[in-house]
Amino acid sequence: MVKKRAHEAFLAEFIPMLDEPGTPEVRHARQVIEQTLTRLAEAACRRPEEAQ
Protein backbone atom coordinates (compact mmCIF):
# COMPACT_ATOMS: atom_id res chain seq x y z
CA MET A 1 0.00 0.00 0.00
CA VAL A 2 2.72 2.43 0.94
CA LYS A 3 5.15 1.40 -1.75
CA LYS A 4 2.73 1.45 -4.70
CA ARG A 5 0.26 3.96 -3.21
CA ALA A 6 -2.62 1.98 -4.71
CA HIS A 7 -5.01 3.39 -2.16
CA GLU A 8 -4.61 6.84 -3.72
CA ALA A 9 -5.90 5.64 -7.08
CA PHE A 10 -8.78 3.92 -5.31
CA LEU A 11 -9.68 7.11 -3.44
CA ALA A 12 -9.37 9.24 -6.56
CA GLU A 13 -11.86 6.99 -8.34
CA PHE A 14 -14.22 6.10 -5.52
CA ILE A 15 -14.53 9.29 -3.44
CA PRO A 16 -16.14 11.39 -6.19
CA MET A 17 -18.85 8.73 -6.44
CA LEU A 18 -19.46 9.06 -2.72
CA ASP A 19 -19.67 12.84 -2.94
CA GLU A 20 -22.53 12.79 -5.46
CA PRO A 21 -25.44 11.72 -3.23
CA GLY A 22 -24.49 14.07 -0.40
CA THR A 23 -26.39 12.12 2.27
CA PRO A 24 -25.17 11.87 5.87
CA GLU A 25 -24.67 8.12 5.43
CA VAL A 26 -22.45 8.62 2.40
CA ARG A 27 -20.43 11.33 4.16
CA HIS A 28 -19.93 8.95 7.07
CA ALA A 29 -18.88 6.12 4.73
CA ARG A 30 -16.33 8.40 3.09
CA GLN A 31 -14.92 9.42 6.45
CA VAL A 32 -14.61 5.80 7.59
CA ILE A 33 -12.93 4.74 4.34
CA GLU A 34 -10.41 7.58 4.44
CA GLN A 35 -9.62 7.04 8.13
CA THR A 36 -9.21 3.30 7.65
CA LEU A 37 -6.86 3.70 4.71
CA THR A 38 -4.85 6.31 6.61
CA ARG A 39 -4.47 3.98 9.60
CA LEU A 40 -3.45 1.11 7.35
CA ALA A 41 -0.84 3.25 5.60
CA GLU A 42 0.54 4.44 8.93
CA ALA A 43 0.70 0.87 10.24
CA ALA A 44 2.49 -0.25 7.09
CA CYS A 45 5.09 2.47 7.58
CA ARG A 46 5.72 1.36 11.15
CA ARG A 47 5.81 -2.38 10.39
CA PRO A 48 6.31 -2.91 6.65
CA GLU A 49 6.94 -6.66 7.06
CA GLU A 50 3.38 -7.11 8.38
CA ALA A 51 1.80 -5.03 5.61
CA GLN A 52 2.79 -7.29 2.72
PDB file of N, CA and C in Angstrom:
ATOM      1  N   MET A   1       0.825  -1.183   0.000  1.00  0.00           N
ATOM      2  CA  MET A   1       0.000   0.000   0.000  1.00  0.00           C
ATOM      3  C   MET A   1       0.876   1.256   0.000  1.00  0.00           C
ATOM      4  N   VAL A   2       1.853   1.264   0.854  1.00  0.00           N
ATOM      5  CA  VAL A   2       2.717   2.434   0.939  1.00  0.00           C
ATOM      6  C   VAL A   2       3.616   2.525  -0.287  1.00  0.00           C
ATOM      7  N   LYS A   3       4.196   1.405  -0.653  1.00  0.00           N
ATOM      8  CA  LYS A   3       5.153   1.396  -1.755  1.00  0.00           C
ATOM      9  C   LYS A   3       4.510   1.774  -3.087  1.00  0.00           C
ATOM     10  N   LYS A   4       3.376   1.197  -3.404  1.00  0.00           N
ATOM     11  CA  LYS A   4       2.733   1.449  -4.700  1.00  0.00           C
ATOM     12  C   LYS A   4       1.651   2.521  -4.633  1.00  0.00           C
ATOM     13  N   ARG A   5       1.250   2.900  -3.425  1.00  0.00           N
ATOM     14  CA  ARG A   5       0.262   3.958  -3.206  1.00  0.00           C
ATOM     15  C   ARG A   5      -1.056   3.672  -3.939  1.00  0.00           C
ATOM     16  N   ALA A   6      -1.401   2.392  -4.002  1.00  0.00           N
ATOM     17  CA  ALA A   6      -2.617   1.976  -4.713  1.00  0.00           C
ATOM     18  C   ALA A   6      -3.872   2.575  -4.103  1.00  0.00           C
ATOM     19  N   HIS A   7      -3.843   2.830  -2.819  1.00  0.00           N
ATOM     20  CA  HIS A   7      -5.014   3.392  -2.163  1.00  0.00           C
ATOM     21  C   HIS A   7      -5.353   4.789  -2.700  1.00  0.00           C
ATOM     22  N   GLU A   8      -4.353   5.502  -3.179  1.00  0.00           N
ATOM     23  CA  GLU A   8      -4.610   6.841  -3.720  1.00  0.00           C
ATOM     24  C   GLU A   8      -5.442   6.762  -5.002  1.00  0.00           C
ATOM     25  N   ALA A   9      -5.119   5.813  -5.856  1.00  0.00           N
ATOM     26  CA  ALA A   9      -5.904   5.642  -7.083  1.00  0.00           C
ATOM     27  C   ALA A   9      -7.333   5.218  -6.743  1.00  0.00           C
ATOM     28  N   PHE A  10      -7.458   4.347  -5.752  1.00  0.00           N
ATOM     29  CA  PHE A  10      -8.783   3.921  -5.309  1.00  0.00           C
ATOM     30  C   PHE A  10      -9.590   5.125  -4.825  1.00  0.00           C
ATOM     31  N   LEU A  11      -8.983   5.931  -3.959  1.00  0.00           N
ATOM     32  CA  LEU A  11      -9.684   7.106  -3.436  1.00  0.00           C
ATOM     33  C   LEU A  11     -10.036   8.093  -4.549  1.00  0.00           C
ATOM     34  N   ALA A  12      -9.122   8.299  -5.470  1.00  0.00           N
ATOM     35  CA  ALA A  12      -9.368   9.242  -6.564  1.00  0.00           C
ATOM     36  C   ALA A  12     -10.563   8.809  -7.411  1.00  0.00           C
ATOM     37  N   GLU A  13     -10.747   7.514  -7.542  1.00  0.00           N
ATOM     38  CA  GLU A  13     -11.857   6.990  -8.344  1.00  0.00           C
ATOM     39  C   GLU A  13     -13.153   6.895  -7.536  1.00  0.00           C
ATOM     40  N   PHE A  14     -13.042   6.446  -6.309  1.00  0.00           N
ATOM     41  CA  PHE A  14     -14.218   6.103  -5.518  1.00  0.00           C
ATOM     42  C   PHE A  14     -14.834   7.295  -4.782  1.00  0.00           C
ATOM     43  N   ILE A  15     -14.014   8.179  -4.250  1.00  0.00           N
ATOM     44  CA  ILE A  15     -14.527   9.291  -3.439  1.00  0.00           C
ATOM     45  C   ILE A  15     -15.468  10.206  -4.223  1.00  0.00           C
ATOM     46  N   PRO A  16     -15.173  10.558  -5.468  1.00  0.00           N
ATOM     47  CA  PRO A  16     -16.142  11.392  -6.188  1.00  0.00           C
ATOM     48  C   PRO A  16     -17.527  10.742  -6.298  1.00  0.00           C
ATOM     49  N   MET A  17     -17.561   9.417  -6.399  1.00  0.00           N
ATOM     50  CA  MET A  17     -18.852   8.734  -6.445  1.00  0.00           C
ATOM     51  C   MET A  17     -19.590   8.873  -5.112  1.00  0.00           C
ATOM     52  N   LEU A  18     -18.842   8.898  -4.030  1.00  0.00           N
ATOM     53  CA  LEU A  18     -19.464   9.062  -2.716  1.00  0.00           C
ATOM     54  C   LEU A  18     -19.936  10.490  -2.497  1.00  0.00           C
ATOM     55  N   ASP A  19     -19.290  11.432  -3.124  1.00  0.00           N
ATOM     56  CA  ASP A  19     -19.668  12.836  -2.943  1.00  0.00           C
ATOM     57  C   ASP A  19     -20.983  13.185  -3.634  1.00  0.00           C
ATOM     58  N   GLU A  20     -21.339  12.455  -4.672  1.00  0.00           N
ATOM     59  CA  GLU A  20     -22.529  12.785  -5.458  1.00  0.00           C
ATOM     60  C   GLU A  20     -23.829  12.801  -4.651  1.00  0.00           C
ATOM     61  N   PRO A  21     -24.158  11.730  -3.917  1.00  0.00           N
ATOM     62  CA  PRO A  21     -25.444  11.721  -3.226  1.00  0.00           C
ATOM     63  C   PRO A  21     -25.557  12.789  -2.134  1.00  0.00           C
ATOM     64  N   GLY A  22     -24.487  13.024  -1.414  1.00  0.00           N
ATOM     65  CA  GLY A  22     -24.495  14.067  -0.396  1.00  0.00           C
ATOM     66  C   GLY A  22     -25.302  13.743   0.851  1.00  0.00           C
ATOM     67  N   THR A  23     -25.619  12.484   1.083  1.00  0.00           N
ATOM     68  CA  THR A  23     -26.386  12.120   2.266  1.00  0.00           C
ATOM     69  C   THR A  23     -25.454  11.959   3.468  1.00  0.00           C
ATOM     70  N   PRO A  24     -25.998  12.060   4.672  1.00  0.00           N
ATOM     71  CA  PRO A  24     -25.172  11.866   5.867  1.00  0.00           C
ATOM     72  C   PRO A  24     -24.513  10.486   5.903  1.00  0.00           C
ATOM     73  N   GLU A  25     -25.222   9.470   5.431  1.00  0.00           N
ATOM     74  CA  GLU A  25     -24.671   8.118   5.428  1.00  0.00           C
ATOM     75  C   GLU A  25     -23.459   8.015   4.509  1.00  0.00           C
ATOM     76  N   VAL A  26     -23.548   8.657   3.363  1.00  0.00           N
ATOM     77  CA  VAL A  26     -22.448   8.615   2.405  1.00  0.00           C
ATOM     78  C   VAL A  26     -21.262   9.421   2.936  1.00  0.00           C
ATOM     79  N   ARG A  27     -21.521  10.547   3.567  1.00  0.00           N
ATOM     80  CA  ARG A  27     -20.431  11.328   4.160  1.00  0.00           C
ATOM     81  C   ARG A  27     -19.726  10.518   5.245  1.00  0.00           C
ATOM     82  N   HIS A  28     -20.506   9.794   6.027  1.00  0.00           N
ATOM     83  CA  HIS A  28     -19.928   8.946   7.072  1.00  0.00           C
ATOM     84  C   HIS A  28     -19.098   7.819   6.449  1.00  0.00           C
ATOM     85  N   ALA A  29     -19.608   7.193   5.409  1.00  0.00           N
ATOM     86  CA  ALA A  29     -18.876   6.122   4.728  1.00  0.00           C
ATOM     87  C   ALA A  29     -17.548   6.637   4.199  1.00  0.00           C
ATOM     88  N   ARG A  30     -17.569   7.819   3.615  1.00  0.00           N
ATOM     89  CA  ARG A  30     -16.331   8.404   3.091  1.00  0.00           C
ATOM     90  C   ARG A  30     -15.327   8.622   4.220  1.00  0.00           C
ATOM     91  N   GLN A  31     -15.800   9.160   5.316  1.00  0.00           N
ATOM     92  CA  GLN A  31     -14.923   9.415   6.451  1.00  0.00           C
ATOM     93  C   GLN A  31     -14.309   8.115   6.970  1.00  0.00           C
ATOM     94  N   VAL A  32     -15.111   7.079   7.089  1.00  0.00           N
ATOM     95  CA  VAL A  32     -14.614   5.796   7.587  1.00  0.00           C
ATOM     96  C   VAL A  32     -13.585   5.210   6.621  1.00  0.00           C
ATOM     97  N   ILE A  33     -13.860   5.267   5.338  1.00  0.00           N
ATOM     98  CA  ILE A  33     -12.926   4.738   4.335  1.00  0.00           C
ATOM     99  C   ILE A  33     -11.593   5.478   4.395  1.00  0.00           C
ATOM    100  N   GLU A  34     -11.644   6.797   4.415  1.00  0.00           N
ATOM    101  CA  GLU A  34     -10.414   7.582   4.440  1.00  0.00           C
ATOM    102  C   GLU A  34      -9.628   7.341   5.721  1.00  0.00           C
ATOM    103  N   GLN A  35     -10.304   7.282   6.862  1.00  0.00           N
ATOM    104  CA  GLN A  35      -9.620   7.043   8.131  1.00  0.00           C
ATOM    105  C   GLN A  35      -8.998   5.648   8.167  1.00  0.00           C
ATOM    106  N   THR A  36      -9.723   4.671   7.663  1.00  0.00           N
ATOM    107  CA  THR A  36      -9.211   3.298   7.653  1.00  0.00           C
ATOM    108  C   THR A  36      -7.972   3.190   6.783  1.00  0.00           C
ATOM    109  N   LEU A  37      -8.018   3.764   5.598  1.00  0.00           N
ATOM    110  CA  LEU A  37      -6.858   3.699   4.709  1.00  0.00           C
ATOM    111  C   LEU A  37      -5.673   4.459   5.287  1.00  0.00           C
ATOM    112  N   THR A  38      -5.925   5.552   5.960  1.00  0.00           N
ATOM    113  CA  THR A  38      -4.848   6.307   6.606  1.00  0.00           C
ATOM    114  C   THR A  38      -4.197   5.478   7.704  1.00  0.00           C
ATOM    115  N   ARG A  39      -5.017   4.830   8.534  1.00  0.00           N
ATOM    116  CA  ARG A  39      -4.475   3.981   9.605  1.00  0.00           C
ATOM    117  C   ARG A  39      -3.677   2.813   9.036  1.00  0.00           C
ATOM    118  N   LEU A  40      -4.177   2.216   7.974  1.00  0.00           N
ATOM    119  CA  LEU A  40      -3.448   1.109   7.347  1.00  0.00           C
ATOM    120  C   LEU A  40      -2.102   1.568   6.785  1.00  0.00           C
ATOM    121  N   ALA A  41      -2.087   2.713   6.150  1.00  0.00           N
ATOM    122  CA  ALA A  41      -0.841   3.247   5.597  1.00  0.00           C
ATOM    123  C   ALA A  41       0.150   3.561   6.714  1.00  0.00           C
ATOM    124  N   GLU A  42      -0.330   4.135   7.804  1.00  0.00           N
ATOM    125  CA  GLU A  42       0.544   4.437   8.934  1.00  0.00           C
ATOM    126  C   GLU A  42       1.091   3.162   9.550  1.00  0.00           C
ATOM    127  N   ALA A  43       0.257   2.155   9.682  1.00  0.00           N
ATOM    128  CA  ALA A  43       0.702   0.871  10.238  1.00  0.00           C
ATOM    129  C   ALA A  43       1.741   0.229   9.325  1.00  0.00           C
ATOM    130  N   ALA A  44       1.541   0.327   8.040  1.00  0.00           N
ATOM    131  CA  ALA A  44       2.490  -0.251   7.088  1.00  0.00           C
ATOM    132  C   ALA A  44       3.836   0.447   7.170  1.00  0.00           C
ATOM    133  N   CYS A  45       3.825   1.735   7.446  1.00  0.00           N
ATOM    134  CA  CYS A  45       5.088   2.469   7.580  1.00  0.00           C
ATOM    135  C   CYS A  45       5.830   2.043   8.843  1.00  0.00           C
ATOM    136  N   ARG A  46       5.091   1.761   9.895  1.00  0.00           N
ATOM    137  CA  ARG A  46       5.722   1.359  11.153  1.00  0.00           C
ATOM    138  C   ARG A  46       6.226  -0.082  11.100  1.00  0.00           C
ATOM    139  N   ARG A  47       5.461  -0.963  10.441  1.00  0.00           N
ATOM    140  CA  ARG A  47       5.811  -2.376  10.387  1.00  0.00           C
ATOM    141  C   ARG A  47       5.626  -2.888   8.962  1.00  0.00           C
ATOM    142  N   PRO A  48       6.501  -2.529   8.059  1.00  0.00           N
ATOM    143  CA  PRO A  48       6.307  -2.910   6.652  1.00  0.00           C
ATOM    144  C   PRO A  48       6.264  -4.422   6.422  1.00  0.00           C
ATOM    145  N   GLU A  49       6.947  -5.213   7.253  1.00  0.00           N
ATOM    146  CA  GLU A  49       6.940  -6.656   7.061  1.00  0.00           C
ATOM    147  C   GLU A  49       5.560  -7.251   7.299  1.00  0.00           C
ATOM    148  N   GLU A  50       4.738  -6.606   8.105  1.00  0.00           N
ATOM    149  CA  GLU A  50       3.383  -7.105   8.375  1.00  0.00           C
ATOM    150  C   GLU A  50       2.374  -6.615   7.346  1.00  0.00           C
ATOM    151  N   ALA A  51       2.742  -5.632   6.555  1.00  0.00           N
ATOM    152  CA  ALA A  51       1.798  -5.025   5.610  1.00  0.00           C
ATOM    153  C   ALA A  51       1.814  -5.710   4.252  1.00  0.00           C
ATOM    154  N   GLN A  52       2.692  -6.680   4.043  1.00  0.00           N
ATOM    155  CA  GLN A  52       2.787  -7.290   2.724  1.00  0.00           C
ATOM    156  C   GLN A  52       1.790  -8.361   2.526  1.00  0.00           C
TER     157      GLN A  52
END
